[in-house]
Amino acid sequence: MNEIELQTDGDLQKISQRKENLLKELDDLLLETYQMEPVLIDEARLVTGEEGCVCNIDIEMIENGQKSGLFDSKKVSSSTKEKISVLIDQVLEAIT
């Protein structure tokens, strides 16, 4: 193979690996919706509040007075993760 083919192949491998890593990260962020009623709920009506109940929790980082939803969760301290977990448990208790 010539240099261009080798370089392209290496780039494709890097892109493929990056894709796999991103998919793994997305899988960690997956939210599951459980339906307890036998009647199908229209998702659009659920989100607009016409039907059912939705609990949406956004976790944001505030840095220099600016809010950002994009942050590396690996950099969040264990104590902060525990506080978030406790607060989410309290919300779940309140709505169930």
PDB file of N, CA and C in Angstrom:
ATOM      1  N   MET A   1       0.840  -1.197   0.000  1.00  0.00           N
ATOM      2  CA  MET A   1       0.000   0.000   0.000  1.00  0.00           C
ATOM      3  C   MET A   1       0.874   1.246   0.000  1.00  0.00           C
ATOM      4  N   ASN A   2       0.342   2.269  -0.595  1.00  0.00           N
ATOM      5  CA  ASN A   2       1.110   3.507  -0.568  1.00  0.00           C
ATOM      6  C   ASN A   2       0.769   4.311   0.683  1.00  0.00           C
ATOM      7  N   GLU A   3       1.460   5.412   0.886  1.00  0.00           N
ATOM      8  CA  GLU A   3       1.301   6.214   2.110  1.00  0.00           C
ATOM      9  C   GLU A   3      -0.115   6.754   2.278  1.00  0.00           C
ATOM     10  N   ILE A   4      -0.743   7.173   1.182  1.00  0.00           N
ATOM     11  CA  ILE A   4      -2.097   7.743   1.265  1.00  0.00           C
ATOM     12  C   ILE A   4      -3.083   6.696   1.759  1.00  0.00           C
ATOM     13  N   GLU A   5      -3.007   5.463   1.232  1.00  0.00           N
ATOM     14  CA  GLU A   5      -3.908   4.406   1.672  1.00  0.00           C
ATOM     15  C   GLU A   5      -3.695   4.088   3.146  1.00  0.00           C
ATOM     16  N   LEU A   6      -2.445   4.040   3.590  1.00  0.00           N
ATOM     17  CA  LEU A   6      -2.159   3.767   5.000  1.00  0.00           C
ATOM     18  C   LEU A   6      -2.697   4.877   5.892  1.00  0.00           C
ATOM     19  N   GLN A   7      -2.507   6.128   5.476  1.00  0.00           N
ATOM     20  CA  GLN A   7      -2.978   7.255   6.275  1.00  0.00           C
ATOM     21  C   GLN A   7      -4.506   7.255   6.342  1.00  0.00           C
ATOM     22  N   THR A   8      -5.166   7.002   5.211  1.00  0.00           N
ATOM     23  CA  THR A   8      -6.627   6.969   5.171  1.00  0.00           C
ATOM     24  C   THR A   8      -7.148   5.857   6.062  1.00  0.00           C
ATOM     25  N   ASP A   9      -6.534   4.684   5.989  1.00  0.00           N
ATOM     26  CA  ASP A   9      -6.952   3.559   6.813  1.00  0.00           C
ATOM     27  C   ASP A   9      -6.811   3.893   8.295  1.00  0.00           C
ATOM     28  N   GLY A  10      -5.715   4.549   8.656  1.00  0.00           N
ATOM     29  CA  GLY A  10      -5.509   4.950  10.051  1.00  0.00           C
ATOM     30  C   GLY A  10      -6.550   5.957  10.501  1.00  0.00           C
ATOM     31  N   ASP A  11      -6.883   6.915   9.623  1.00  0.00           N
ATOM     32  CA  ASP A  11      -7.906   7.907   9.953  1.00  0.00           C
ATOM     33  C   ASP A  11      -9.263   7.241  10.140  1.00  0.00           C
ATOM     34  N   LEU A  12      -9.583   6.276   9.282  1.00  0.00           N
ATOM     35  CA  LEU A  12     -10.860   5.572   9.398  1.00  0.00           C
ATOM     36  C   LEU A  12     -10.935   4.790  10.703  1.00  0.00           C
ATOM     37  N   GLN A  13      -9.826   4.204  11.105  1.00  0.00           N
ATOM     38  CA  GLN A  13      -9.804   3.474  12.375  1.00  0.00           C
ATOM     39  C   GLN A  13     -10.022   4.424  13.546  1.00  0.00           C
ATOM     40  N   LYS A  14      -9.392   5.605  13.495  1.00  0.00           N
ATOM     41  CA  LYS A  14      -9.576   6.598  14.557  1.00  0.00           C
ATOM     42  C   LYS A  14     -11.023   7.064  14.607  1.00  0.00           C
ATOM     43  N   ILE A  15     -11.598   7.319  13.437  1.00  0.00           N
ATOM     44  CA  ILE A  15     -12.993   7.767  13.370  1.00  0.00           C
ATOM     45  C   ILE A  15     -13.920   6.680  13.899  1.00  0.00           C
ATOM     46  N   SER A  16     -13.664   5.447  13.511  1.00  0.00           N
ATOM     47  CA  SER A  16     -14.481   4.328  13.971  1.00  0.00           C
ATOM     48  C   SER A  16     -14.389   4.173  15.487  1.00  0.00           C
ATOM     49  N   GLN A  17     -13.180   4.287  16.037  1.00  0.00           N
ATOM     50  CA  GLN A  17     -13.000   4.184  17.488  1.00  0.00           C
ATOM     51  C   GLN A  17     -13.701   5.330  18.205  1.00  0.00           C
ATOM     52  N   ARG A  18     -13.598   6.542  17.655  1.00  0.00           N
ATOM     53  CA  ARG A  18     -14.265   7.711  18.247  1.00  0.00           C
ATOM     54  C   ARG A  18     -15.777   7.516  18.240  1.00  0.00           C
ATOM     55  N   LYS A  19     -16.292   6.969  17.144  1.00  0.00           N
ATOM     56  CA  LYS A  19     -17.731   6.694  17.048  1.00  0.00           C
ATOM     57  C   LYS A  19     -18.156   5.713  18.142  1.00  0.00           C
ATOM     58  N   GLU A  20     -17.393   4.645  18.314  1.00  0.00           N
ATOM     59  CA  GLU A  20     -17.707   3.654  19.343  1.00  0.00           C
ATOM     60  C   GLU A  20     -17.690   4.283  20.735  1.00  0.00           C
ATOM     61  N   ASN A  21     -16.691   5.122  21.010  1.00  0.00           N
ATOM     62  CA  ASN A  21     -16.606   5.792  22.311  1.00  0.00           C
ATOM     63  C   ASN A  21     -17.800   6.707  22.541  1.00  0.00           C
ATOM     64  N   LEU A  22     -18.198   7.459  21.509  1.00  0.00           N
ATOM     65  CA  LEU A  22     -19.351   8.350  21.636  1.00  0.00           C
ATOM     66  C   LEU A  22     -20.635   7.564  21.870  1.00  0.00           C
ATOM     67  N   LEU A  23     -20.791   6.440  21.177  1.00  0.00           N
ATOM     68  CA  LEU A  23     -21.979   5.611  21.380  1.00  0.00           C
ATOM     69  C   LEU A  23     -22.030   5.051  22.799  1.00  0.00           C
ATOM     70  N   LYS A  24     -20.873   4.682  23.348  1.00  0.00           N
ATOM     71  CA  LYS A  24     -20.834   4.196  24.731  1.00  0.00           C
ATOM     72  C   LYS A  24     -21.236   5.308  25.700  1.00  0.00           C
ATOM     73  N   GLU A  25     -20.744   6.532  25.451  1.00  0.00           N
ATOM     74  CA  GLU A  25     -21.112   7.664  26.305  1.00  0.00           C
ATOM     75  C   GLU A  25     -22.602   7.945  26.213  1.00  0.00           C
ATOM     76  N   LEU A  26     -23.156   7.893  25.005  1.00  0.00           N
ATOM     77  CA  LEU A  26     -24.588   8.124  24.831  1.00  0.00           C
ATOM     78  C   LEU A  26     -25.401   7.050  25.537  1.00  0.00           C
ATOM     79  N   ASP A  27     -24.922   5.819  25.493  1.00  0.00           N
ATOM     80  CA  ASP A  27     -25.629   4.734  26.156  1.00  0.00           C
ATOM     81  C   ASP A  27     -25.704   4.976  27.659  1.00  0.00           C
ATOM     82  N   ASP A  28     -24.664   5.582  28.226  1.00  0.00           N
ATOM     83  CA  ASP A  28     -24.669   5.899  29.654  1.00  0.00           C
ATOM     84  C   ASP A  28     -25.691   6.983  29.984  1.00  0.00           C
ATOM     85  N   LEU A  29     -26.052   7.791  28.998  1.00  0.00           N
ATOM     86  CA  LEU A  29     -26.993   8.883  29.213  1.00  0.00           C
ATOM     87  C   LEU A  29     -28.425   8.500  28.856  1.00  0.00           C
ATOM     88  N   LEU A  30     -28.646   7.265  28.463  1.00  0.00           N
ATOM     89  CA  LEU A  30     -29.957   6.814  28.026  1.00  0.00           C
ATOM     90  C   LEU A  30     -30.962   6.887  29.166  1.00  0.00           C
ATOM     91  N   LEU A  31     -32.087   7.485  28.871  1.00  0.00           N
ATOM     92  CA  LEU A  31     -33.184   7.538  29.822  1.00  0.00           C
ATOM     93  C   LEU A  31     -34.246   6.544  29.386  1.00  0.00           C
ATOM     94  N   GLU A  32     -34.850   5.882  30.325  1.00  0.00           N
ATOM     95  CA  GLU A  32     -35.892   4.929  29.989  1.00  0.00           C
ATOM     96  C   GLU A  32     -37.230   5.468  30.455  1.00  0.00           C
ATOM     97  N   THR A  33     -38.236   5.292  29.629  1.00  0.00           N
ATOM     98  CA  THR A  33     -39.592   5.707  29.967  1.00  0.00           C
ATOM     99  C   THR A  33     -40.406   4.451  30.210  1.00  0.00           C
ATOM    100  N   TYR A  34     -41.025   4.393  31.357  1.00  0.00           N
ATOM    101  CA  TYR A  34     -41.851   3.248  31.692  1.00  0.00           C
ATOM    102  C   TYR A  34     -43.308   3.658  31.629  1.00  0.00           C
ATOM    103  N   GLN A  35     -44.116   2.799  31.082  1.00  0.00           N
ATOM    104  CA  GLN A  35     -45.544   3.061  30.980  1.00  0.00           C
ATOM    105  C   GLN A  35     -46.267   2.003  31.792  1.00  0.00           C
ATOM    106  N   MET A  36     -47.084   2.453  32.752  1.00  0.00           N
ATOM    107  CA  MET A  36     -47.763   1.515  33.633  1.00  0.00           C
ATOM    108  C   MET A  36     -49.207   1.264  33.215  1.00  0.00           C
ATOM    109  N   GLU A  37     -49.730   2.075  32.315  1.00  0.00           N
ATOM    110  CA  GLU A  37     -51.105   1.920  31.862  1.00  0.00           C
ATOM    111  C   GLU A  37     -51.127   1.122  30.563  1.00  0.00           C
ATOM    112  N   PRO A  38     -52.158   0.292  30.373  1.00  0.00           N
ATOM    113  CA  PRO A  38     -52.229  -0.486  29.137  1.00  0.00           C
ATOM    114  C   PRO A  38     -52.570   0.355  27.906  1.00  0.00           C
ATOM    115  N   VAL A  39     -53.051   1.577  28.112  1.00  0.00           N
ATOM    116  CA  VAL A  39     -53.411   2.456  27.008  1.00  0.00           C
ATOM    117  C   VAL A  39     -52.161   3.208  26.556  1.00  0.00           C
ATOM    118  N   LEU A  40     -51.928   3.257  25.245  1.00  0.00           N
ATOM    119  CA  LEU A  40     -50.758   3.959  24.728  1.00  0.00           C
ATOM    120  C   LEU A  40     -50.873   5.455  24.979  1.00  0.00           C
ATOM    121  N   ILE A  41     -49.776   6.062  25.368  1.00  0.00           N
ATOM    122  CA  ILE A  41     -49.740   7.502  25.618  1.00  0.00           C
ATOM    123  C   ILE A  41     -49.038   8.163  24.441  1.00  0.00           C
ATOM    124  N   ASP A  42     -49.651   9.218  23.915  1.00  0.00           N
ATOM    125  CA  ASP A  42     -49.071   9.976  22.813  1.00  0.00           C
ATOM    126  C   ASP A  42     -47.901  10.787  23.361  1.00  0.00           C
ATOM    127  N   GLU A  43     -46.683  10.501  22.879  1.00  0.00           N
ATOM    128  CA  GLU A  43     -45.488  11.160  23.415  1.00  0.00           C
ATOM    129  C   GLU A  43     -45.539  12.673  23.252  1.00  0.00           C
ATOM    130  N   ALA A  44     -46.023  13.151  22.114  1.00  0.00           N
ATOM    131  CA  ALA A  44     -46.101  14.603  21.893  1.00  0.00           C
ATOM    132  C   ALA A  44     -47.037  15.249  22.907  1.00  0.00           C
ATOM    133  N   ARG A  45     -48.171  14.607  23.187  1.00  0.00           N
ATOM    134  CA  ARG A  45     -49.113  15.148  24.176  1.00  0.00           C
ATOM    135  C   ARG A  45     -48.533  15.047  25.585  1.00  0.00           C
ATOM    136  N   LEU A  46     -47.751  14.019  25.827  1.00  0.00           N
ATOM    137  CA  LEU A  46     -47.113  13.854  27.133  1.00  0.00           C
ATOM    138  C   LEU A  46     -46.127  14.986  27.386  1.00  0.00           C
ATOM    139  N   VAL A  47     -45.302  15.290  26.397  1.00  0.00           N
ATOM    140  CA  VAL A  47     -44.286  16.333  26.540  1.00  0.00           C
ATOM    141  C   VAL A  47     -44.922  17.710  26.688  1.00  0.00           C
ATOM    142  N   THR A  48     -46.030  17.955  25.989  1.00  0.00           N
ATOM    143  CA  THR A  48     -46.683  19.265  26.076  1.00  0.00           C
ATOM    144  C   THR A  48     -47.547  19.402  27.318  1.00  0.00           C
ATOM    145  N   GLY A  49     -47.690  18.332  28.080  1.00  0.00           N
ATOM    146  CA  GLY A  49     -48.443  18.406  29.324  1.00  0.00           C
ATOM    147  C   GLY A  49     -49.926  18.160  29.164  1.00  0.00           C
ATOM    148  N   GLU A  50     -50.367  17.781  27.984  1.00  0.00           N
ATOM    149  CA  GLU A  50     -51.785  17.512  27.766  1.00  0.00           C
ATOM    150  C   GLU A  50     -52.202  16.194  28.398  1.00  0.00           C
ATOM    151  N   GLU A  51     -51.246  15.319  28.627  1.00  0.00           N
ATOM    152  CA  GLU A  51     -51.557  13.971  29.062  1.00  0.00           C
ATOM    153  C   GLU A  51     -50.406  13.435  29.907  1.00  0.00           C
ATOM    154  N   GLY A  52     -50.708  12.817  31.025  1.00  0.00           N
ATOM    155  CA  GLY A  52     -49.683  12.172  31.827  1.00  0.00           C
ATOM    156  C   GLY A  52     -48.775  13.135  32.574  1.00  0.00           C
ATOM    157  N   CYS A  53     -47.608  12.649  32.943  1.00  0.00           N
ATOM    158  CA  CYS A  53     -46.661  13.430  33.732  1.00  0.00           C
ATOM    159  C   CYS A  53     -45.241  13.136  33.250  1.00  0.00           C
ATOM    160  N   VAL A  54     -44.466  14.183  33.072  1.00  0.00           N
ATOM    161  CA  VAL A  54     -43.070  14.029  32.660  1.00  0.00           C
ATOM    162  C   VAL A  54     -42.192  14.731  33.682  1.00  0.00           C
ATOM    163  N   CYS A  55     -41.133  14.079  34.092  1.00  0.00           N
ATOM    164  CA  CYS A  55     -40.154  14.705  34.979  1.00  0.00           C
ATOM    165  C   CYS A  55     -38.844  14.797  34.203  1.00  0.00           C
ATOM    166  N   ASN A  56     -38.418  16.011  33.927  1.00  0.00           N
ATOM    167  CA  ASN A  56     -37.199  16.246  33.160  1.00  0.00           C
ATOM    168  C   ASN A  56     -36.172  16.885  34.091  1.00  0.00           C
ATOM    169  N   ILE A  57     -35.022  16.263  34.223  1.00  0.00           N
ATOM    170  CA  ILE A  57     -33.981  16.777  35.108  1.00  0.00           C
ATOM    171  C   ILE A  57     -32.770  17.162  34.260  1.00  0.00           C
ATOM    172  N   ASP A  58     -32.440  18.447  34.261  1.00  0.00           N
ATOM    173  CA  ASP A  58     -31.265  18.939  33.545  1.00  0.00           C
ATOM    174  C   ASP A  58     -30.165  19.220  34.558  1.00  0.00           C
ATOM    175  N   ILE A  59     -29.005  18.692  34.323  1.00  0.00           N
ATOM    176  CA  ILE A  59     -27.859  18.959  35.184  1.00  0.00           C
ATOM    177  C   ILE A  59     -26.903  19.837  34.387  1.00  0.00           C
ATOM    178  N   GLU A  60     -26.623  21.005  34.929  1.00  0.00           N
ATOM    179  CA  GLU A  60     -25.764  21.956  34.237  1.00  0.00           C
ATOM    180  C   GLU A  60     -24.589  22.341  35.123  1.00  0.00           C
ATOM    181  N   MET A  61     -23.528  22.762  34.484  1.00  0.00           N
ATOM    182  CA  MET A  61     -22.353  23.245  35.196  1.00  0.00           C
ATOM    183  C   MET A  61     -22.345  24.769  35.093  1.00  0.00           C
ATOM    184  N   ILE A  62     -22.067  25.434  36.211  1.00  0.00           N
ATOM    185  CA  ILE A  62     -21.960  26.889  36.202  1.00  0.00           C
ATOM    186  C   ILE A  62     -20.495  27.241  36.409  1.00  0.00           C
ATOM    187  N   GLU A  63     -19.932  27.917  35.420  1.00  0.00           N
ATOM    188  CA  GLU A  63     -18.528  28.303  35.478  1.00  0.00           C
ATOM    189  C   GLU A  63     -18.422  29.764  35.056  1.00  0.00           C
ATOM    190  N   ASN A  64     -17.849  30.575  35.936  1.00  0.00           N
ATOM    191  CA  ASN A  64     -17.727  32.017  35.687  1.00  0.00           C
ATOM    192  C   ASN A  64     -19.081  32.659  35.391  1.00  0.00           C
ATOM    193  N   GLY A  65     -20.107  32.197  36.101  1.00  0.00           N
ATOM    194  CA  GLY A  65     -21.441  32.765  35.940  1.00  0.00           C
ATOM    195  C   GLY A  65     -22.181  32.294  34.702  1.00  0.00           C
ATOM    196  N   GLN A  66     -21.592  31.411  33.918  1.00  0.00           N
ATOM    197  CA  GLN A  66     -22.211  30.910  32.692  1.00  0.00           C
ATOM    198  C   GLN A  66     -22.671  29.464  32.897  1.00  0.00           C
ATOM    199  N   LYS A  67     -23.933  29.188  32.542  1.00  0.00           N
ATOM    200  CA  LYS A  67     -24.446  27.825  32.625  1.00  0.00           C
ATOM    201  C   LYS A  67     -24.090  27.061  31.361  1.00  0.00           C
ATOM    202  N   SER A  68     -23.741  25.801  31.545  1.00  0.00           N
ATOM    203  CA  SER A  68     -23.429  24.952  30.400  1.00  0.00           C
ATOM    204  C   SER A  68     -23.899  23.534  30.690  1.00  0.00           C
ATOM    205  N   GLY A  69     -24.642  22.968  29.755  1.00  0.00           N
ATOM    206  CA  GLY A  69     -25.090  21.590  29.887  1.00  0.00           C
ATOM    207  C   GLY A  69     -24.036  20.602  29.415  1.00  0.00           C
ATOM    208  N   LEU A  70     -22.982  21.125  28.811  1.00  0.00           N
ATOM    209  CA  LEU A  70     -21.909  20.269  28.315  1.00  0.00           C
ATOM    210  C   LEU A  70     -20.754  20.264  29.308  1.00  0.00           C
ATOM    211  N   PHE A  71     -20.520  19.120  29.912  1.00  0.00           N
ATOM    212  CA  PHE A  71     -19.398  18.992  30.835  1.00  0.00           C
ATOM    213  C   PHE A  71     -18.995  17.532  30.899  1.00  0.00           C
ATOM    214  N   ASP A  72     -17.798  17.298  31.370  1.00  0.00           N
ATOM    215  CA  ASP A  72     -17.272  15.943  31.487  1.00  0.00           C
ATOM    216  C   ASP A  72     -17.686  15.382  32.842  1.00  0.00           C
ATOM    217  N   SER A  73     -18.595  14.414  32.832  1.00  0.00           N
ATOM    218  CA  SER A  73     -19.091  13.855  34.091  1.00  0.00           C
ATOM    219  C   SER A  73     -17.995  13.142  34.878  1.00  0.00           C
ATOM    220  N   LYS A  74     -16.913  12.781  34.210  1.00  0.00           N
ATOM    221  CA  LYS A  74     -15.802  12.126  34.909  1.00  0.00           C
ATOM    222  C   LYS A  74     -15.070  13.097  35.827  1.00  0.00           C
ATOM    223  N   LYS A  75     -15.225  14.397  35.571  1.00  0.00           N
ATOM    224  CA  LYS A  75     -14.557  15.407  36.390  1.00  0.00           C
ATOM    225  C   LYS A  75     -15.394  15.826  37.598  1.00  0.00           C
ATOM    226  N   VAL A  76     -16.636  15.326  37.684  1.00  0.00           N
ATOM    227  CA  VAL A  76     -17.501  15.665  38.811  1.00  0.00           C
ATOM    228  C   VAL A  76     -17.043  14.855  40.022  1.00  0.00           C
ATOM    229  N   SER A  77     -16.889  15.521  41.148  1.00  0.00           N
ATOM    230  CA  SER A  77     -16.397  14.840  42.352  1.00  0.00           C
ATOM    231  C   SER A  77     -17.424  13.833  42.867  1.00  0.00           C
ATOM    232  N   SER A  78     -16.945  12.867  43.620  1.00  0.00           N
ATOM    233  CA  SER A  78     -17.823  11.841  44.186  1.00  0.00           C
ATOM    234  C   SER A  78     -18.866  12.449  45.109  1.00  0.00           C
ATOM    235  N   SER A  79     -18.470  13.455  45.891  1.00  0.00           N
ATOM    236  CA  SER A  79     -19.426  14.074  46.816  1.00  0.00           C
ATOM    237  C   SER A  79     -20.532  14.799  46.053  1.00  0.00           C
ATOM    238  N   THR A  80     -20.185  15.448  44.943  1.00  0.00           N
ATOM    239  CA  THR A  80     -21.197  16.125  44.132  1.00  0.00           C
ATOM    240  C   THR A  80     -22.128  15.106  43.484  1.00  0.00           C
ATOM    241  N   LYS A  81     -21.574  14.001  43.000  1.00  0.00           N
ATOM    242  CA  LYS A  81     -22.404  12.945  42.419  1.00  0.00           C
ATOM    243  C   LYS A  81     -23.370  12.394  43.459  1.00  0.00           C
ATOM    244  N   GLU A  82     -22.898  12.242  44.687  1.00  0.00           N
ATOM    245  CA  GLU A  82     -23.753  11.735  45.761  1.00  0.00           C
ATOM    246  C   GLU A  82     -24.872  12.722  46.068  1.00  0.00           C
ATOM    247  N   LYS A  83     -24.555  14.017  46.108  1.00  0.00           N
ATOM    248  CA  LYS A  83     -25.575  15.041  46.349  1.00  0.00           C
ATOM    249  C   LYS A  83     -26.634  15.026  45.250  1.00  0.00           C
ATOM    250  N   ILE A  84     -26.196  14.898  44.000  1.00  0.00           N
ATOM    251  CA  ILE A  84     -27.132  14.836  42.874  1.00  0.00           C
ATOM    252  C   ILE A  84     -28.026  13.608  43.013  1.00  0.00           C
ATOM    253  N   SER A  85     -27.435  12.486  43.362  1.00  0.00           N
ATOM    254  CA  SER A  85     -28.192  11.250  43.529  1.00  0.00           C
ATOM    255  C   SER A  85     -29.250  11.384  44.621  1.00  0.00           C
ATOM    256  N   VAL A  86     -28.888  12.001  45.740  1.00  0.00           N
ATOM    257  CA  VAL A  86     -29.832  12.206  46.844  1.00  0.00           C
ATOM    258  C   VAL A  86     -30.981  13.109  46.402  1.00  0.00           C
ATOM    259  N   LEU A  87     -30.655  14.184  45.691  1.00  0.00           N
ATOM    260  CA  LEU A  87     -31.695  15.102  45.220  1.00  0.00           C
ATOM    261  C   LEU A  87     -32.635  14.426  44.224  1.00  0.00           C
ATOM    262  N   ILE A  88     -32.100  13.618  43.332  1.00  0.00           N
ATOM    263  CA  ILE A  88     -32.949  12.901  42.374  1.00  0.00           C
ATOM    264  C   ILE A  88     -33.844  11.910  43.107  1.00  0.00           C
ATOM    265  N   ASP A  89     -33.307  11.232  44.118  1.00  0.00           N
ATOM    266  CA  ASP A  89     -34.123  10.319  44.923  1.00  0.00           C
ATOM    267  C   ASP A  89     -35.264  11.068  45.604  1.00  0.00           C
ATOM    268  N   GLN A  90     -34.996  12.277  46.094  1.00  0.00           N
ATOM    269  CA  GLN A  90     -36.041  13.080  46.732  1.00  0.00           C
ATOM    270  C   GLN A  90     -37.131  13.462  45.732  1.00  0.00           C
ATOM    271  N   VAL A  91     -36.726  13.810  44.521  1.00  0.00           N
ATOM    272  CA  VAL A  91     -37.705  14.143  43.477  1.00  0.00           C
ATOM    273  C   VAL A  91     -38.556  12.916  43.157  1.00  0.00           C
ATOM    274  N   LEU A  92     -37.914  11.765  43.007  1.00  0.00           N
ATOM    275  CA  LEU A  92     -38.657  10.540  42.706  1.00  0.00           C
ATOM    276  C   LEU A  92     -39.636  10.189  43.818  1.00  0.00           C
ATOM    277  N   GLU A  93     -39.225  10.377  45.062  1.00  0.00           N
ATOM    278  CA  GLU A  93     -40.133  10.127  46.186  1.00  0.00           C
ATOM    279  C   GLU A  93     -41.336  11.052  46.130  1.00  0.00           C
ATOM    280  N   ALA A  94     -41.103  12.300  45.773  1.00  0.00           N
ATOM    281  CA  ALA A  94     -42.180  13.288  45.740  1.00  0.00           C
ATOM    282  C   ALA A  94     -43.197  13.002  44.637  1.00  0.00           C
ATOM    283  N   ILE A  95     -42.746  12.448  43.518  1.00  0.00           N
ATOM    284  CA  ILE A  95     -43.681  12.247  42.408  1.00  0.00           C
ATOM    285  C   ILE A  95     -44.271  10.842  42.356  1.00  0.00           C
ATOM    286  N   THR A  96     -43.800   9.949  43.204  1.00  0.00           N
ATOM    287  CA  THR A  96     -44.371   8.594  43.181  1.00  0.00           C
ATOM    288  C   THR A  96     -45.297   8.362  44.338  1.00  0.00           C
TER     289      THR A  96
END
